C-alpha cells in the first residue's frame, strides 16, 4: 500500500467495530467513500484489487448448491430433460445480496495487530514526492467537495438555482486555493444574497435571462474583483452546526499534523505544508 492508502485503510478499519466474521456494513463503506474519502482516488477499488477487501455472499450454502447444480448440468446434461435443465439453470443464475469482508494479511494474527501495524507504518513514514502529489490532490478534492456541500446548502436555503459546469468549478478551485473554508462560506453567503436580489428583479421584470446562471456569475465577478484589487476577504463565517468532519481529517490532525485547529481554518496549500513539512 502507498502512504495515503494506508491512512485510508486505517481509518476504514477503525471507523466502527467490524463484525466477528469480518463483515463491514454497506452503510460504513458508503459513509467512508462519500464523507471521509470524498469519493477520491477510488480507494475502495484499490483495497479490493490489492486483496484487503472482498465481496462474499450472505448465504454460502446457496453458493455451494449453485456450484453443485452447474457440475450436475455439465456432467449429466445429456440425461436431464430440457424442462429440468431449464429449471436448474434458473437456480444457477440467481444472484444473492453480497457482503464486504476484510482480509487480514498473513503476517498478522488478528485485526487489532494489523491496525497497530498500519498505525506504526503511517507514523514512521516519510512521504515521497509521489506521495506528496497524491496528498495535494486529495486535499484539493476534499476541499472542492466541501465547497460543493456549502453551495448545495445555500442554494436550498435561499431557493437559488445553480448550474454546476466547468466554468463554475474553475472559479471554485481558484477560490479554494486562496481562501480557507470559513472565508469561502462567507463569500458564498454574500454572493447568494446579491443573486437572490437579481433573481427577484428578473422574475418581476419577466426578463429572458437564464436564472440558473446568476449565482455562478456573481461568484465569478466577486473573485475577479478581489483578484484585480489584490484584496483579501475581510469576513469569515462559521460552518453550519451540522457540519461533518471526516475521520481522515481528524486522524491526520491528531496523529500527523498534531494541531488542534481543524482544516477549515486553512487553505489547501497551508494544510499540505503543515502535513509534509
Protein backbone atom coordinates (compact mmCIF):
# COMPACT_ATOMS: atom_id res chain seq x y z
CA UNK A 1 0.00 0.00 0.00
CA UNK A 2 1.03 3.58 -0.68
CA UNK A 3 1.27 6.14 2.13
CA UNK A 4 -2.16 7.71 1.62
CA UNK A 5 -3.77 4.32 1.01
CA UNK A 6 -2.52 3.13 4.42
CA UNK A 7 -4.20 6.13 6.06
CA UNK A 8 -7.45 5.45 4.24
CA UNK A 9 -7.39 1.77 5.19
CA UNK A 10 -6.52 2.52 8.83
CA UNK A 11 -9.44 4.94 9.12
CA UNK A 12 -11.80 2.47 7.44
CA UNK A 13 -10.80 -0.35 9.80
CA UNK A 14 -11.15 1.85 12.90
CA UNK A 15 -14.31 3.76 11.96
CA UNK A 16 -16.62 1.21 13.50
CA UNK A 17 -16.18 -2.15 15.16
CA UNK A 18 -16.06 -4.78 12.45
CA UNK A 19 -18.20 -7.84 12.99
CA UNK A 20 -16.52 -11.05 14.18
CA UNK A 21 -16.86 -12.59 10.74
CA UNK A 22 -15.01 -9.61 9.24
CA UNK A 23 -18.04 -8.04 7.54
CA UNK A 24 -18.13 -4.27 7.04
CA UNK A 25 -21.63 -2.84 6.64
CA UNK A 26 -22.57 -1.08 3.41
CA UNK A 27 -23.53 1.98 5.46
CA UNK A 28 -19.99 2.28 6.85
CA UNK A 29 -18.48 1.86 3.38
CA UNK A 30 -20.81 4.44 1.84
CA UNK A 31 -20.09 6.97 4.59
CA UNK A 32 -16.35 6.35 4.24
CA UNK A 33 -16.33 6.86 0.48
CA UNK A 34 -18.59 9.95 0.45
CA UNK A 35 -17.56 11.77 3.64
CA UNK A 36 -14.10 10.56 4.64
CA UNK A 37 -12.50 9.90 1.28
CA UNK A 38 -14.78 12.38 -0.56
CA UNK A 39 -15.03 9.91 -3.41
CA UNK A 40 -11.35 10.49 -4.00
CA UNK A 41 -8.86 8.15 -5.60
CA UNK A 42 -11.15 5.11 -5.83
CA UNK A 43 -9.74 3.97 -2.51
CA UNK A 44 -12.24 1.14 -2.07
CA UNK A 45 -11.42 -0.22 -5.53
CA UNK A 46 -7.76 -0.18 -4.55
CA UNK A 47 -8.45 -2.26 -1.42
CA UNK A 48 -10.38 -4.80 -3.48
CA UNK A 49 -7.66 -5.06 -6.14
CA UNK A 50 -4.91 -5.48 -3.54
CA UNK A 51 -6.85 -8.14 -1.66
CA UNK A 52 -7.65 -6.32 1.60
CA UNK A 53 -11.40 -6.37 0.94
CA UNK A 54 -13.51 -8.89 -0.94
CA UNK A 55 -17.17 -9.38 -1.78
CA UNK A 56 -18.83 -12.50 -0.49
CA UNK A 57 -22.38 -13.73 -0.18
CA UNK A 58 -24.66 -13.76 2.84
CA UNK A 59 -25.61 -17.39 2.29
CA UNK A 60 -22.66 -19.61 1.40
CA UNK A 61 -24.92 -22.68 1.31
CA UNK A 62 -26.74 -21.29 -1.72
CA UNK A 63 -23.42 -20.68 -3.46
CA UNK A 64 -22.39 -24.28 -2.82
CA UNK A 65 -25.73 -25.59 -4.14
CA UNK A 66 -25.38 -23.43 -7.24
CA UNK A 67 -21.93 -24.88 -7.87
CA UNK A 68 -23.31 -28.40 -7.47
CA UNK A 69 -26.11 -27.67 -9.96
CA UNK A 70 -23.61 -26.38 -12.52
CA UNK A 71 -21.49 -29.52 -12.10
CA UNK A 72 -24.53 -31.78 -12.47
CA UNK A 73 -25.56 -29.99 -15.65
CA UNK A 74 -22.03 -30.27 -17.01
CA UNK A 75 -21.54 -33.95 -16.14
CA UNK A 76 -25.02 -35.40 -16.70
CA UNK A 77 -26.61 -32.88 -19.03
CA UNK A 78 -27.34 -35.49 -21.66
CA UNK A 79 -29.54 -37.45 -19.20
CA UNK A 80 -31.51 -34.44 -17.91
CA UNK A 81 -34.73 -33.36 -19.62
CA UNK A 82 -34.87 -29.92 -21.25
CA UNK A 83 -37.50 -28.76 -18.74
CA UNK A 84 -35.44 -29.84 -15.73
CA UNK A 85 -32.27 -28.37 -17.22
CA UNK A 86 -34.02 -25.03 -17.72
CA UNK A 87 -35.16 -25.04 -14.10
CA UNK A 88 -31.64 -25.88 -12.88
CA UNK A 89 -30.16 -23.07 -14.98
CA UNK A 90 -32.67 -20.64 -13.48
CA UNK A 91 -31.50 -21.50 -9.97
CA UNK A 92 -27.86 -21.31 -11.06
CA UNK A 93 -28.33 -17.74 -12.29
CA UNK A 94 -29.88 -16.43 -9.07
CA UNK A 95 -27.87 -13.56 -7.59
CA UNK A 96 -27.84 -13.15 -3.80
CA UNK A 97 -27.02 -9.99 -1.89
CA UNK A 98 -23.25 -9.65 -1.40
CA UNK A 99 -21.32 -8.52 1.65
CA UNK A 100 -17.91 -6.92 2.08
CA UNK A 101 -15.31 -8.62 4.27
CA UNK A 102 -11.81 -7.62 5.33
CA UNK A 103 -8.86 -9.93 4.66
CA UNK A 104 -6.20 -9.89 7.37
CA UNK A 105 -2.67 -10.23 5.91
CA UNK A 106 -0.84 -13.45 6.81
CA UNK A 107 1.81 -11.67 8.88
CA UNK A 108 -0.80 -10.56 11.46
CA UNK A 109 -2.66 -12.78 13.92
CA UNK A 110 -5.79 -10.65 14.16
CA UNK A 111 -7.31 -7.38 13.03
CA UNK A 112 -6.10 -5.50 16.14
CA UNK A 113 -2.44 -6.30 15.44
CA UNK A 114 -2.96 -5.39 11.78
CA UNK A 115 -4.43 -2.00 12.74
CA UNK A 116 -1.49 -1.36 15.08
CA UNK A 117 0.95 -2.30 12.32
CA UNK A 118 -0.72 0.11 9.90
CA UNK A 119 -0.58 2.87 12.51
CA UNK A 120 3.14 2.41 13.10
CA UNK A 121 3.83 2.39 9.35
CA UNK A 122 1.93 5.67 8.95
CA UNK A 123 3.57 7.44 11.89
CA UNK A 124 7.10 6.40 10.95
CA UNK A 125 6.70 7.04 7.21
CA UNK A 126 8.36 9.91 5.35
CA UNK A 127 6.17 10.76 2.32
CA UNK A 128 7.95 10.53 -1.04
CA UNK A 129 7.47 13.02 -3.89
CA UNK A 130 4.76 10.85 -5.45
CA UNK A 131 3.04 10.61 -2.06
CA UNK A 132 3.10 14.40 -1.73
CA UNK A 133 1.45 14.83 -5.14
CA UNK A 134 -1.32 12.42 -4.15
CA UNK A 135 -1.74 14.17 -0.80
CA UNK A 136 -2.09 17.52 -2.56
CA UNK A 137 -4.68 16.09 -4.95
CA UNK A 138 -6.61 14.57 -2.06
CA UNK A 139 -6.67 17.83 -0.10
CA UNK A 140 -7.90 19.84 -3.09
CA UNK A 141 -10.55 17.25 -3.98
CA UNK A 142 -11.67 17.15 -0.37
CA UNK A 143 -11.94 20.94 -0.17
CA UNK A 144 -13.78 21.08 -3.50
CA UNK A 145 -16.30 18.51 -2.24
CA UNK A 146 -16.76 20.61 0.91
CA UNK A 147 -17.36 23.77 -1.13
CA UNK A 148 -19.99 21.96 -3.19
CA UNK A 149 -21.71 20.88 0.04
CA UNK A 150 -21.83 24.52 1.17
CA UNK A 151 -23.13 25.59 -2.24
CA UNK A 152 -25.89 22.98 -2.13
CA UNK A 153 -26.99 24.03 1.37
CA UNK A 154 -27.03 27.72 0.40
CA UNK A 155 -28.99 27.09 -2.80
CA UNK A 156 -31.52 25.02 -0.87
CA UNK A 157 -31.82 27.59 1.90
CA UNK A 158 -32.08 30.63 -0.40
CA UNK A 159 -34.06 28.84 -3.14
CA UNK A 160 -31.40 29.80 -5.70
CA UNK A 161 -30.96 27.75 -8.90
CA UNK A 162 -27.42 26.86 -9.96
CA UNK A 163 -25.81 25.14 -12.93
CA UNK A 164 -22.76 23.09 -11.99
CA UNK A 165 -20.49 23.28 -15.02
CA UNK A 166 -16.77 23.50 -15.80
CA UNK A 167 -16.80 27.30 -15.59
CA UNK A 168 -18.19 27.16 -12.05
CA UNK A 169 -15.68 24.51 -10.97
CA UNK A 170 -12.75 26.59 -12.28
CA UNK A 171 -13.97 29.51 -10.14
CA UNK A 172 -14.40 27.27 -7.10
CA UNK A 173 -10.86 25.89 -7.48
CA UNK A 174 -9.26 29.32 -7.75
CA UNK A 175 -11.33 30.38 -4.71
CA UNK A 176 -10.39 27.38 -2.55
CA UNK A 177 -6.69 27.78 -3.34
CA UNK A 178 -6.70 31.32 -1.94
CA UNK A 179 -9.15 31.26 0.97
CA UNK A 180 -9.97 28.97 3.86
CA UNK A 181 -13.37 27.33 4.18
CA UNK A 182 -14.78 29.89 6.65
CA UNK A 183 -13.86 32.71 4.27
CA UNK A 184 -15.34 30.81 1.32
CA UNK A 185 -18.58 30.28 3.21
CA UNK A 186 -18.81 33.99 3.95
CA UNK A 187 -18.17 34.87 0.30
CA UNK A 188 -20.78 32.40 -0.95
CA UNK A 189 -23.43 33.63 1.51
CA UNK A 190 -22.81 37.26 0.49
CA UNK A 191 -22.99 36.48 -3.23
CA UNK A 192 -26.12 34.42 -2.62
CA UNK A 193 -27.85 37.50 -1.17
CA UNK A 194 -26.86 39.54 -4.22
CA UNK A 195 -28.01 36.75 -6.51
CA UNK A 196 -31.36 36.49 -4.73
CA UNK A 197 -31.89 40.20 -5.32
CA UNK A 198 -31.10 39.85 -9.03
CA UNK A 199 -33.39 36.84 -9.32
CA UNK A 200 -36.22 38.83 -7.76
CA UNK A 201 -35.73 41.62 -10.33
CA UNK A 202 -35.57 39.11 -13.19
CA UNK A 203 -38.76 37.40 -12.05
CA UNK A 204 -40.73 40.65 -11.81
CA UNK A 205 -39.33 42.16 -14.98
CA UNK A 206 -40.13 38.99 -16.94
CA UNK A 207 -36.61 39.06 -18.35
CA UNK A 208 -35.45 36.21 -20.52
CA UNK A 209 -32.12 35.98 -18.64
CA UNK A 210 -31.18 32.46 -17.57
CA UNK A 211 -31.81 32.32 -13.82
CA UNK A 212 -29.54 29.29 -13.43
CA UNK A 213 -26.50 31.38 -14.40
CA UNK A 214 -26.94 34.21 -11.87
CA UNK A 215 -25.28 32.71 -8.77
CA UNK A 216 -22.28 31.36 -10.69
CA UNK A 217 -21.85 34.71 -12.43
CA UNK A 218 -21.86 36.61 -9.12
CA UNK A 219 -19.27 34.27 -7.61
CA UNK A 220 -17.01 34.78 -10.64
CA UNK A 221 -17.45 38.57 -10.56
CA UNK A 222 -16.53 38.75 -6.89
CA UNK A 223 -13.41 36.66 -7.39
CA UNK A 224 -12.37 38.82 -10.36
CA UNK A 225 -12.81 41.97 -8.25
CA UNK A 226 -10.78 40.62 -5.33
CA UNK A 227 -8.03 39.49 -7.69
CA UNK A 228 -7.88 42.82 -9.56
CA UNK A 229 -7.65 44.77 -6.28
CA UNK A 230 -5.37 42.17 -4.70
CA UNK A 231 -7.67 42.20 -1.69
CA UNK A 232 -8.15 39.56 0.96
CA UNK A 233 -11.54 38.65 2.36
CA UNK A 234 -12.49 40.75 5.39
CA UNK A 235 -15.02 38.35 6.85
CA UNK A 236 -15.35 34.68 7.66
CA UNK A 237 -18.38 32.66 8.70
CA UNK A 238 -18.63 29.65 11.00
CA UNK A 239 -19.58 26.43 9.23
CA UNK A 240 -23.13 25.06 9.68
CA UNK A 241 -23.78 23.45 13.06
CA UNK A 242 -24.45 20.08 11.43
CA UNK A 243 -21.13 20.10 9.55
CA UNK A 244 -19.48 16.66 9.31
CA UNK A 245 -15.73 16.44 9.90
CA UNK A 246 -14.20 13.41 8.22
CA UNK A 247 -12.41 10.76 10.26
CA UNK A 248 -9.43 11.02 7.92
CA UNK A 249 -9.06 14.72 8.71
CA UNK A 250 -9.40 14.12 12.45
CA UNK A 251 -6.84 11.27 12.33
CA UNK A 252 -4.29 13.39 10.45
CA UNK A 253 -4.76 16.39 12.77
CA UNK A 254 -4.37 14.26 15.90
CA UNK A 255 -1.58 11.91 14.80
CA UNK A 256 0.43 13.53 11.99
CA UNK A 257 -0.01 17.31 11.95
CA UNK A 258 -0.75 17.40 15.70
CA UNK A 259 -2.53 20.73 15.52
CA UNK A 260 -5.71 21.47 17.44
CA UNK A 261 -7.28 23.53 14.64
CA UNK A 262 -9.36 21.69 12.07
CA UNK A 263 -8.70 22.00 8.33
CA UNK A 264 -11.42 24.52 7.55
CA UNK A 265 -9.26 27.28 9.07
CA UNK A 266 -6.51 26.68 6.48
CA UNK A 267 -6.12 26.78 2.72
CA UNK A 268 -5.12 23.55 0.90
CA UNK A 269 -1.54 24.84 0.50
CA UNK A 270 -1.29 25.57 4.23
CA UNK A 271 -2.59 22.10 5.05
CA UNK A 272 -0.09 20.48 2.67
CA UNK A 273 2.86 22.41 4.08
CA UNK A 274 1.90 21.55 7.64
CA UNK A 275 1.31 17.91 6.76
CA UNK A 276 4.55 17.13 4.93
CA UNK A 277 6.68 19.87 6.48
